[in-house]
C-alpha atoms as a PDB file:
ATOM      1  CA  MET A   1     138.042 138.742  73.662  1.00  0.00           C
ATOM      2  CA  ILE A   2     134.321 138.643  73.756  1.00  0.00           C
ATOM      3  CA  LEU A   3     134.206 135.231  72.260  1.00  0.00           C
ATOM      4  CA  TRP A   4     136.329 134.091  74.994  1.00  0.00           C
ATOM      5  CA  THR A   5     134.051 135.528  77.838  1.00  0.00           C
ATOM      6  CA  ALA A   6     131.080 134.280  75.921  1.00  0.00           C
ATOM      7  CA  PHE A   7     132.809 130.665  75.971  1.00  0.00           C
ATOM      8  CA  THR A   8     133.496 130.883  79.569  1.00  0.00           C
ATOM      9  CA  TYR A   9     130.098 131.965  80.374  1.00  0.00           C
ATOM     10  CA  LEU A  10     128.363 129.093  78.450  1.00  0.00           C
ATOM     11  CA  LEU A  11     130.715 126.698  80.652  1.00  0.00           C
ATOM     12  CA  PHE A  12     129.756 127.759  83.730  1.00  0.00           C
ATOM     13  CA  VAL A  13     126.131 127.700  82.640  1.00  0.00           C
ATOM     14  CA  LEU A  14     126.676 123.940  81.428  1.00  0.00           C
ATOM     15  CA  TYR A  15     128.287 122.928  84.518  1.00  0.00           C
ATOM     16  CA  PHE A  16     125.637 124.628  86.615  1.00  0.00           C
ATOM     17  CA  TRP A  17     122.892 123.063  84.684  1.00  0.00           C
ATOM     18  CA  LEU A  18     124.563 119.451  84.626  1.00  0.00           C
ATOM     19  CA  PHE A  19     125.879 119.198  88.166  1.00  0.00           C
ATOM     20  CA  SER A  20     125.946 121.851  90.715  1.00  0.00           C
ATOM     21  CA  ARG A  21     121.881 122.822  90.402  1.00  0.00           C
ATOM     22  CA  HIS A  22     121.155 119.504  92.363  1.00  0.00           C
ATOM     23  CA  ARG A  23     124.018 120.089  95.015  1.00  0.00           C
ATOM     24  CA  LEU A  24     123.204 123.910  95.506  1.00  0.00           C
ATOM     25  CA  ILE A  25     119.700 123.421  96.852  1.00  0.00           C
ATOM     26  CA  VAL A  26     119.367 124.337 100.224  1.00  0.00           C
ATOM     27  CA  LYS A  27     117.179 122.157 101.754  1.00  0.00           C
ATOM     28  CA  VAL A  28     114.938 122.394 105.161  1.00  0.00           C
ATOM     29  CA  SER A  29     116.822 121.315 108.347  1.00  0.00           C
ATOM     30  CA  GLU A  30     114.219 118.413 108.756  1.00  0.00           C
ATOM     31  CA  GLU A  31     114.848 116.789 105.213  1.00  0.00           C
ATOM     32  CA  GLU A  32     118.720 117.523 105.762  1.00  0.00           C
ATOM     33  CA  PHE A  33     118.331 115.253 108.946  1.00  0.00           C
ATOM     34  CA  ALA A  34     116.347 112.737 107.463  1.00  0.00           C
ATOM     35  CA  ILE A  35     118.902 112.544 104.750  1.00  0.00           C
ATOM     36  CA  ILE A  36     121.653 112.039 107.219  1.00  0.00           C
ATOM     37  CA  ALA A  37     119.819 109.487 109.554  1.00  0.00           C
ATOM     38  CA  LYS A  38     119.218 107.472 106.325  1.00  0.00           C
ATOM     39  CA  ALA A  39     122.761 107.520 105.584  1.00  0.00           C
ATOM     40  CA  GLU A  40     123.945 106.768 108.836  1.00  0.00           C
ATOM     41  CA  GLU A  41     121.331 103.668 109.003  1.00  0.00           C
ATOM     42  CA  GLU A  42     122.707 102.353 105.842  1.00  0.00           C
ATOM     43  CA  LEU A  43     126.395 102.331 107.369  1.00  0.00           C
ATOM     44  CA  ASN A  44     124.963 100.587 110.083  1.00  0.00           C
END
């Protein structure tokens, strides 16, 4: 049981380290608006 818990914990840590950390960072509103404006310009 302890091995499964450690394995699951390790999977979550790896997932966060490889993927989520880039998406979970909260940006200030000015940065978010700039990103949205840039994406809208690329669409037009």
